[in-house]
C-alpha atoms as a PDB file:
ATOM      1  CA  UNK A   1     -79.878-181.269  56.423  1.00  0.00           C
ATOM      2  CA  UNK A   2     -81.042-177.922  57.887  1.00  0.00           C
ATOM      3  CA  UNK A   3     -83.932-178.393  60.176  1.00  0.00           C
ATOM      4  CA  UNK A   4     -83.741-182.098  60.086  1.00  0.00           C
ATOM      5  CA  UNK A   5     -82.367-184.499  62.641  1.00  0.00           C
ATOM      6  CA  UNK A   6     -79.380-186.409  61.222  1.00  0.00           C
ATOM      7  CA  UNK A   7     -79.427-190.045  62.441  1.00  0.00           C
ATOM      8  CA  UNK A   8     -77.129-191.857  60.073  1.00  0.00           C
ATOM      9  CA  UNK A   9     -74.256-191.773  57.722  1.00  0.00           C
ATOM     10  CA  UNK A  10     -73.906-193.897  54.494  1.00  0.00           C
ATOM     11  CA  UNK A  11     -70.234-194.381  53.696  1.00  0.00           C
ATOM     12  CA  UNK A  12     -68.449-195.200  50.413  1.00  0.00           C
ATOM     13  CA  UNK A  13     -65.127-196.898  51.052  1.00  0.00           C
ATOM     14  CA  UNK A  14     -62.722-196.707  47.992  1.00  0.00           C
ATOM     15  CA  UNK A  15     -61.332-193.131  47.764  1.00  0.00           C
ATOM     16  CA  UNK A  16     -63.445-192.135  50.803  1.00  0.00           C
ATOM     17  CA  UNK A  17     -61.985-194.153  53.591  1.00  0.00           C
ATOM     18  CA  UNK A  18     -59.212-196.071  51.807  1.00  0.00           C
ATOM     19  CA  UNK A  19     -56.615-194.831  49.304  1.00  0.00           C
ATOM     20  CA  UNK A  20     -57.552-197.526  46.789  1.00  0.00           C
ATOM     21  CA  UNK A  21     -58.827-195.959  43.645  1.00  0.00           C
ATOM     22  CA  UNK A  22     -55.526-196.211  41.774  1.00  0.00           C
ATOM     23  CA  UNK A  23     -55.129-199.827  42.891  1.00  0.00           C
ATOM     24  CA  UNK A  24     -58.522-200.686  41.419  1.00  0.00           C
ATOM     25  CA  UNK A  25     -57.756-199.097  38.091  1.00  0.00           C
ATOM     26  CA  UNK A  26     -54.371-200.819  37.958  1.00  0.00           C
ATOM     27  CA  UNK A  27     -55.943-204.237  38.775  1.00  0.00           C
ATOM     28  CA  UNK A  28     -58.521-203.711  35.988  1.00  0.00           C
ATOM     29  CA  UNK A  29     -55.771-202.637  33.556  1.00  0.00           C
ATOM     30  CA  UNK A  30     -53.700-205.701  34.490  1.00  0.00           C
ATOM     31  CA  UNK A  31     -56.686-207.976  33.967  1.00  0.00           C
ATOM     32  CA  UNK A  32     -57.664-206.380  30.689  1.00  0.00           C
ATOM     33  CA  UNK A  33     -54.097-206.532  29.306  1.00  0.00           C
ATOM     34  CA  UNK A  34     -53.831-210.076  30.124  1.00  0.00           C
ATOM     35  CA  UNK A  35     -57.078-210.847  28.401  1.00  0.00           C
ATOM     36  CA  UNK A  36     -55.935-209.135  25.208  1.00  0.00           C
ATOM     37  CA  UNK A  37     -57.541-205.641  25.658  1.00  0.00           C
ATOM     38  CA  UNK A  38     -55.217-202.654  25.104  1.00  0.00           C
ATOM     39  CA  UNK A  39     -56.818-200.459  27.804  1.00  0.00           C
ATOM     40  CA  UNK A  40     -54.506-198.567  30.046  1.00  0.00           C
ATOM     41  CA  UNK A  41     -55.232-197.633  33.784  1.00  0.00           C
ATOM     42  CA  UNK A  42     -55.842-194.038  32.746  1.00  0.00           C
ATOM     43  CA  UNK A  43     -58.961-195.104  30.849  1.00  0.00           C
ATOM     44  CA  UNK A  44     -60.176-197.147  33.685  1.00  0.00           C
ATOM     45  CA  UNK A  45     -59.537-194.661  36.460  1.00  0.00           C
ATOM     46  CA  UNK A  46     -62.465-192.281  35.691  1.00  0.00           C
ATOM     47  CA  UNK A  47     -64.901-195.229  35.972  1.00  0.00           C
ATOM     48  CA  UNK A  48     -63.745-196.343  39.404  1.00  0.00           C
ATOM     49  CA  UNK A  49     -66.802-195.957  41.709  1.00  0.00           C
ATOM     50  CA  UNK A  50     -68.937-197.825  39.408  1.00  0.00           C
ATOM     51  CA  UNK A  51     -69.442-201.624  39.802  1.00  0.00           C
ATOM     52  CA  UNK A  52     -67.971-204.204  37.418  1.00  0.00           C
ATOM     53  CA  UNK A  53     -71.486-204.586  36.036  1.00  0.00           C
ATOM     54  CA  UNK A  54     -71.153-201.132  34.368  1.00  0.00           C
ATOM     55  CA  UNK A  55     -67.335-200.812  34.002  1.00  0.00           C
ATOM     56  CA  UNK A  56     -66.884-203.991  31.914  1.00  0.00           C
ATOM     57  CA  UNK A  57     -69.438-203.135  29.332  1.00  0.00           C
ATOM     58  CA  UNK A  58     -68.056-199.541  29.062  1.00  0.00           C
ATOM     59  CA  UNK A  59     -64.503-200.760  28.459  1.00  0.00           C
ATOM     60  CA  UNK A  60     -65.050-203.948  26.491  1.00  0.00           C
ATOM     61  CA  UNK A  61     -68.491-203.922  25.063  1.00  0.00           C
ATOM     62  CA  UNK A  62     -69.253-207.268  26.715  1.00  0.00           C
ATOM     63  CA  UNK A  63     -72.505-208.002  28.364  1.00  0.00           C
ATOM     64  CA  UNK A  64     -71.967-207.948  32.135  1.00  0.00           C
ATOM     65  CA  UNK A  65     -73.817-211.212  32.469  1.00  0.00           C
ATOM     66  CA  UNK A  66     -71.951-213.038  29.776  1.00  0.00           C
ATOM     67  CA  UNK A  67     -69.406-215.750  30.753  1.00  0.00           C
ATOM     68  CA  UNK A  68     -66.404-213.748  29.392  1.00  0.00           C
ATOM     69  CA  UNK A  69     -67.386-210.702  31.438  1.00  0.00           C
ATOM     70  CA  UNK A  70     -67.844-212.836  34.628  1.00  0.00           C
ATOM     71  CA  UNK A  71     -64.392-214.448  33.939  1.00  0.00           C
ATOM     72  CA  UNK A  72     -62.848-210.989  33.685  1.00  0.00           C
ATOM     73  CA  UNK A  73     -64.489-209.925  37.053  1.00  0.00           C
ATOM     74  CA  UNK A  74     -63.310-213.020  38.817  1.00  0.00           C
ATOM     75  CA  UNK A  75     -59.695-212.682  37.517  1.00  0.00           C
ATOM     76  CA  UNK A  76     -59.775-209.001  38.334  1.00  0.00           C
ATOM     77  CA  UNK A  77     -60.610-209.851  41.994  1.00  0.00           C
ATOM     78  CA  UNK A  78     -57.726-212.377  42.116  1.00  0.00           C
ATOM     79  CA  UNK A  79     -55.221-209.862  40.711  1.00  0.00           C
ATOM     80  CA  UNK A  80     -56.365-207.142  43.150  1.00  0.00           C
ATOM     81  CA  UNK A  81     -56.098-209.534  46.093  1.00  0.00           C
ATOM     82  CA  UNK A  82     -52.741-210.813  45.191  1.00  0.00           C
ATOM     83  CA  UNK A  83     -50.987-207.654  43.951  1.00  0.00           C
ATOM     84  CA  UNK A  84     -52.760-204.686  45.483  1.00  0.00           C
ATOM     85  CA  UNK A  85     -54.661-205.449  48.647  1.00  0.00           C
ATOM     86  CA  UNK A  86     -51.546-205.978  50.874  1.00  0.00           C
ATOM     87  CA  UNK A  87     -50.278-202.388  50.296  1.00  0.00           C
ATOM     88  CA  UNK A  88     -53.650-200.476  50.880  1.00  0.00           C
ATOM     89  CA  UNK A  89     -53.629-197.771  53.468  1.00  0.00           C
ATOM     90  CA  UNK A  90     -56.534-195.818  55.114  1.00  0.00           C
ATOM     91  CA  UNK A  91     -56.822-192.154  54.148  1.00  0.00           C
ATOM     92  CA  UNK A  92     -55.612-189.839  56.742  1.00  0.00           C
ATOM     93  CA  UNK A  93     -58.081-189.334  59.543  1.00  0.00           C
ATOM     94  CA  UNK A  94     -60.432-192.236  58.378  1.00  0.00           C
ATOM     95  CA  UNK A  95     -60.370-194.152  61.679  1.00  0.00           C
ATOM     96  CA  UNK A  96     -60.645-190.954  63.812  1.00  0.00           C
ATOM     97  CA  UNK A  97     -63.668-189.732  61.703  1.00  0.00           C
ATOM     98  CA  UNK A  98     -65.432-193.098  62.181  1.00  0.00           C
ATOM     99  CA  UNK A  99     -64.812-192.867  65.906  1.00  0.00           C
ATOM    100  CA  UNK A 100     -66.193-189.401  66.056  1.00  0.00           C
ATOM    101  CA  UNK A 101     -69.361-190.570  64.234  1.00  0.00           C
ATOM    102  CA  UNK A 102     -69.658-193.356  66.701  1.00  0.00           C
ATOM    103  CA  UNK A 103     -69.288-191.062  69.635  1.00  0.00           C
ATOM    104  CA  UNK A 104     -72.075-188.842  68.052  1.00  0.00           C
ATOM    105  CA  UNK A 105     -74.258-191.906  68.109  1.00  0.00           C
ATOM    106  CA  UNK A 106     -74.703-191.839  64.304  1.00  0.00           C
ATOM    107  CA  UNK A 107     -75.689-195.016  62.662  1.00  0.00           C
ATOM    108  CA  UNK A 108     -72.966-195.935  60.115  1.00  0.00           C
ATOM    109  CA  UNK A 109     -73.712-198.199  57.008  1.00  0.00           C
ATOM    110  CA  UNK A 110     -71.214-198.910  54.310  1.00  0.00           C
ATOM    111  CA  UNK A 111     -72.719-198.379  50.868  1.00  0.00           C
ATOM    112  CA  UNK A 112     -70.188-199.515  48.273  1.00  0.00           C
ATOM    113  CA  UNK A 113     -70.200-201.032  44.744  1.00  0.00           C
ATOM    114  CA  UNK A 114     -67.521-203.412  45.881  1.00  0.00           C
ATOM    115  CA  UNK A 115     -68.188-207.172  46.359  1.00  0.00           C
ATOM    116  CA  UNK A 116     -68.748-208.108  50.010  1.00  0.00           C
ATOM    117  CA  UNK A 117     -65.727-210.492  50.217  1.00  0.00           C
ATOM    118  CA  UNK A 118     -63.425-207.897  48.821  1.00  0.00           C
ATOM    119  CA  UNK A 119     -64.956-205.103  50.941  1.00  0.00           C
ATOM    120  CA  UNK A 120     -64.323-207.031  54.121  1.00  0.00           C
ATOM    121  CA  UNK A 121     -60.777-207.867  53.115  1.00  0.00           C
ATOM    122  CA  UNK A 122     -59.990-204.196  52.379  1.00  0.00           C
ATOM    123  CA  UNK A 123     -61.506-203.013  55.669  1.00  0.00           C
ATOM    124  CA  UNK A 124     -59.565-205.594  57.575  1.00  0.00           C
ATOM    125  CA  UNK A 125     -56.294-204.701  55.764  1.00  0.00           C
ATOM    126  CA  UNK A 126     -56.607-201.048  56.886  1.00  0.00           C
ATOM    127  CA  UNK A 127     -57.936-201.851  60.338  1.00  0.00           C
ATOM    128  CA  UNK A 128     -61.401-200.346  59.933  1.00  0.00           C
ATOM    129  CA  UNK A 129     -63.498-203.521  59.923  1.00  0.00           C
ATOM    130  CA  UNK A 130     -64.339-203.265  63.690  1.00  0.00           C
ATOM    131  CA  UNK A 131     -65.919-199.885  63.389  1.00  0.00           C
ATOM    132  CA  UNK A 132     -68.245-200.773  60.478  1.00  0.00           C
ATOM    133  CA  UNK A 133     -70.422-203.755  61.419  1.00  0.00           C
ATOM    134  CA  UNK A 134     -73.237-202.743  59.112  1.00  0.00           C
ATOM    135  CA  UNK A 135     -72.363-203.054  55.456  1.00  0.00           C
ATOM    136  CA  UNK A 136     -74.164-203.164  52.102  1.00  0.00           C
ATOM    137  CA  UNK A 137     -72.308-204.023  48.841  1.00  0.00           C
ATOM    138  CA  UNK A 138     -72.929-204.913  45.282  1.00  0.00           C
ATOM    139  CA  UNK A 139     -74.247-208.314  46.651  1.00  0.00           C
ATOM    140  CA  UNK A 140     -77.258-206.299  48.043  1.00  0.00           C
ATOM    141  CA  UNK A 141     -78.181-204.509  44.905  1.00  0.00           C
ATOM    142  CA  UNK A 142     -79.373-205.352  41.382  1.00  0.00           C
ATOM    143  CA  UNK A 143     -77.593-202.250  39.915  1.00  0.00           C
ATOM    144  CA  UNK A 144     -74.345-200.624  41.154  1.00  0.00           C
ATOM    145  CA  UNK A 145     -73.694-196.857  41.433  1.00  0.00           C
ATOM    146  CA  UNK A 146     -74.747-194.414  40.007  1.00  0.00           C
ATOM    147  CA  UNK A 147     -78.033-196.291  40.289  1.00  0.00           C
ATOM    148  CA  UNK A 148     -79.506-195.847  43.743  1.00  0.00           C
ATOM    149  CA  UNK A 149     -80.053-199.479  44.661  1.00  0.00           C
ATOM    150  CA  UNK A 150     -77.108-199.643  47.090  1.00  0.00           C
ATOM    151  CA  UNK A 151     -78.117-196.452  48.817  1.00  0.00           C
ATOM    152  CA  UNK A 152     -81.593-197.802  49.218  1.00  0.00           C
ATOM    153  CA  UNK A 153     -80.263-201.056  50.597  1.00  0.00           C
ATOM    154  CA  UNK A 154     -77.955-199.178  53.013  1.00  0.00           C
ATOM    155  CA  UNK A 155     -81.054-197.087  54.369  1.00  0.00           C
ATOM    156  CA  UNK A 156     -82.948-200.336  54.870  1.00  0.00           C
ATOM    157  CA  UNK A 157     -79.996-202.034  56.642  1.00  0.00           C
ATOM    158  CA  UNK A 158     -79.596-199.043  59.020  1.00  0.00           C
ATOM    159  CA  UNK A 159     -83.283-198.625  59.528  1.00  0.00           C
ATOM    160  CA  UNK A 160     -82.892-195.006  58.295  1.00  0.00           C
ATOM    161  CA  UNK A 161     -85.128-192.594  56.433  1.00  0.00           C
ATOM    162  CA  UNK A 162     -83.575-190.771  53.513  1.00  0.00           C
ATOM    163  CA  UNK A 163     -84.282-187.410  55.055  1.00  0.00           C
ATOM    164  CA  UNK A 164     -82.445-188.341  58.264  1.00  0.00           C
ATOM    165  CA  UNK A 165     -79.202-189.665  56.568  1.00  0.00           C
ATOM    166  CA  UNK A 166     -76.290-188.281  54.643  1.00  0.00           C
ATOM    167  CA  UNK A 167     -73.993-190.000  52.169  1.00  0.00           C
ATOM    168  CA  UNK A 168     -70.153-189.550  52.106  1.00  0.00           C
ATOM    169  CA  UNK A 169     -68.432-190.340  48.822  1.00  0.00           C
ATOM    170  CA  UNK A 170     -65.661-189.314  46.450  1.00  0.00           C
ATOM    171  CA  UNK A 171     -67.101-189.799  42.954  1.00  0.00           C
ATOM    172  CA  UNK A 172     -69.781-188.272  40.878  1.00  0.00           C
ATOM    173  CA  UNK A 173     -71.333-191.857  40.995  1.00  0.00           C
ATOM    174  CA  UNK A 174     -71.716-191.579  44.741  1.00  0.00           C
ATOM    175  CA  UNK A 175     -73.396-188.113  44.487  1.00  0.00           C
ATOM    176  CA  UNK A 176     -75.846-189.239  41.739  1.00  0.00           C
ATOM    177  CA  UNK A 177     -76.752-192.463  43.568  1.00  0.00           C
ATOM    178  CA  UNK A 178     -77.425-190.610  46.822  1.00  0.00           C
ATOM    179  CA  UNK A 179     -79.407-187.867  45.189  1.00  0.00           C
ATOM    180  CA  UNK A 180     -81.554-190.372  43.264  1.00  0.00           C
ATOM    181  CA  UNK A 181     -82.377-191.957  46.610  1.00  0.00           C
ATOM    182  CA  UNK A 182     -83.297-188.670  48.166  1.00  0.00           C
ATOM    183  CA  UNK A 183     -80.119-188.535  50.382  1.00  0.00           C
ATOM    184  CA  UNK A 184     -77.877-185.510  50.715  1.00  0.00           C
ATOM    185  CA  UNK A 185     -74.277-186.157  50.029  1.00  0.00           C
ATOM    186  CA  UNK A 186     -70.931-184.888  51.378  1.00  0.00           C
ATOM    187  CA  UNK A 187     -68.111-185.072  48.852  1.00  0.00           C
ATOM    188  CA  UNK A 188     -64.393-185.893  49.341  1.00  0.00           C
ATOM    189  CA  UNK A 189     -61.691-184.813  46.919  1.00  0.00           C
ATOM    190  CA  UNK A 190     -59.474-187.660  48.218  1.00  0.00           C
ATOM    191  CA  UNK A 191     -60.613-189.907  45.412  1.00  0.00           C
ATOM    192  CA  UNK A 192     -59.223-187.645  42.594  1.00  0.00           C
ATOM    193  CA  UNK A 193     -62.315-185.833  41.677  1.00  0.00           C
ATOM    194  CA  UNK A 194     -62.717-182.082  41.845  1.00  0.00           C
ATOM    195  CA  UNK A 195     -65.475-179.819  43.181  1.00  0.00           C
ATOM    196  CA  UNK A 196     -67.169-179.369  39.794  1.00  0.00           C
ATOM    197  CA  UNK A 197     -67.229-183.222  39.442  1.00  0.00           C
ATOM    198  CA  UNK A 198     -68.970-183.392  42.902  1.00  0.00           C
ATOM    199  CA  UNK A 199     -71.628-180.783  42.115  1.00  0.00           C
ATOM    200  CA  UNK A 200     -74.903-181.223  44.031  1.00  0.00           C
ATOM    201  CA  UNK A 201     -73.195-182.170  47.274  1.00  0.00           C
ATOM    202  CA  UNK A 202     -73.946-180.408  50.612  1.00  0.00           C
ATOM    203  CA  UNK A 203     -70.296-179.665  51.078  1.00  0.00           C
ATOM    204  CA  UNK A 204     -66.890-180.856  49.835  1.00  0.00           C
ATOM    205  CA  UNK A 205     -63.795-181.608  51.872  1.00  0.00           C
ATOM    206  CA  UNK A 206     -60.285-182.791  51.031  1.00  0.00           C
ATOM    207  CA  UNK A 207     -60.906-186.023  52.912  1.00  0.00           C
ATOM    208  CA  UNK A 208     -61.721-187.630  56.253  1.00  0.00           C
ATOM    209  CA  UNK A 209     -59.081-185.531  58.286  1.00  0.00           C
ATOM    210  CA  UNK A 210     -60.499-182.297  56.754  1.00  0.00           C
ATOM    211  CA  UNK A 211     -64.021-183.212  57.622  1.00  0.00           C
ATOM    212  CA  UNK A 212     -63.177-184.185  61.088  1.00  0.00           C
ATOM    213  CA  UNK A 213     -61.367-180.852  61.556  1.00  0.00           C
ATOM    214  CA  UNK A 214     -64.369-178.917  60.383  1.00  0.00           C
ATOM    215  CA  UNK A 215     -66.918-181.174  62.091  1.00  0.00           C
ATOM    216  CA  UNK A 216     -68.738-178.408  63.922  1.00  0.00           C
ATOM    217  CA  UNK A 217     -69.521-176.461  60.765  1.00  0.00           C
ATOM    218  CA  UNK A 218     -70.296-179.560  58.703  1.00  0.00           C
ATOM    219  CA  UNK A 219     -73.602-181.284  57.836  1.00  0.00           C
ATOM    220  CA  UNK A 220     -72.744-183.944  60.339  1.00  0.00           C
ATOM    221  CA  UNK A 221     -73.120-181.429  63.243  1.00  0.00           C
ATOM    222  CA  UNK A 222     -76.812-180.777  62.467  1.00  0.00           C
END
């Protein structure tokens, strides 16, 4: 971002603002086990950050648009809502970081592969919904991350140019999607990925609290 005015921040949610990546992996594993697939959460976990349109074919070989795949996705949403949503927590410093961005007059737009209904339920559960009125989700894109569709939709929603925005995410899929859309990316280790996995980022931090603590030396201060 050196030499360019930062106007907005695109935000991933799972693993970036909310400690939810394991919950998503577990809900997929529960769903697949129920449907007769012997796929443990450990195989699902590295794929969290993609949308179901990519995750289901990778794990089952099913066409994402086929009725069986759509049934799996719908059942996964039910299981996640019933078993995992009530225990979700924000990552340390998430709310304070959003409040700092708001104070800096940065436009904030959620850019996630989650479905809109699930996204709003998660943000409400962790009491962040009020700070994030502008949201894009898988409902706003033909292809989920690592394709850049959601990033492009978020830029459009926030009326931002790629050169005046930065993405914050926790997976290689966030980084790839942002870079393919021409947006620089800040990486968080809070989703379980390491620095090597997040190669190509402007900077990497442990999570929201760490970025807030190092705000003045971060890309957000430029």
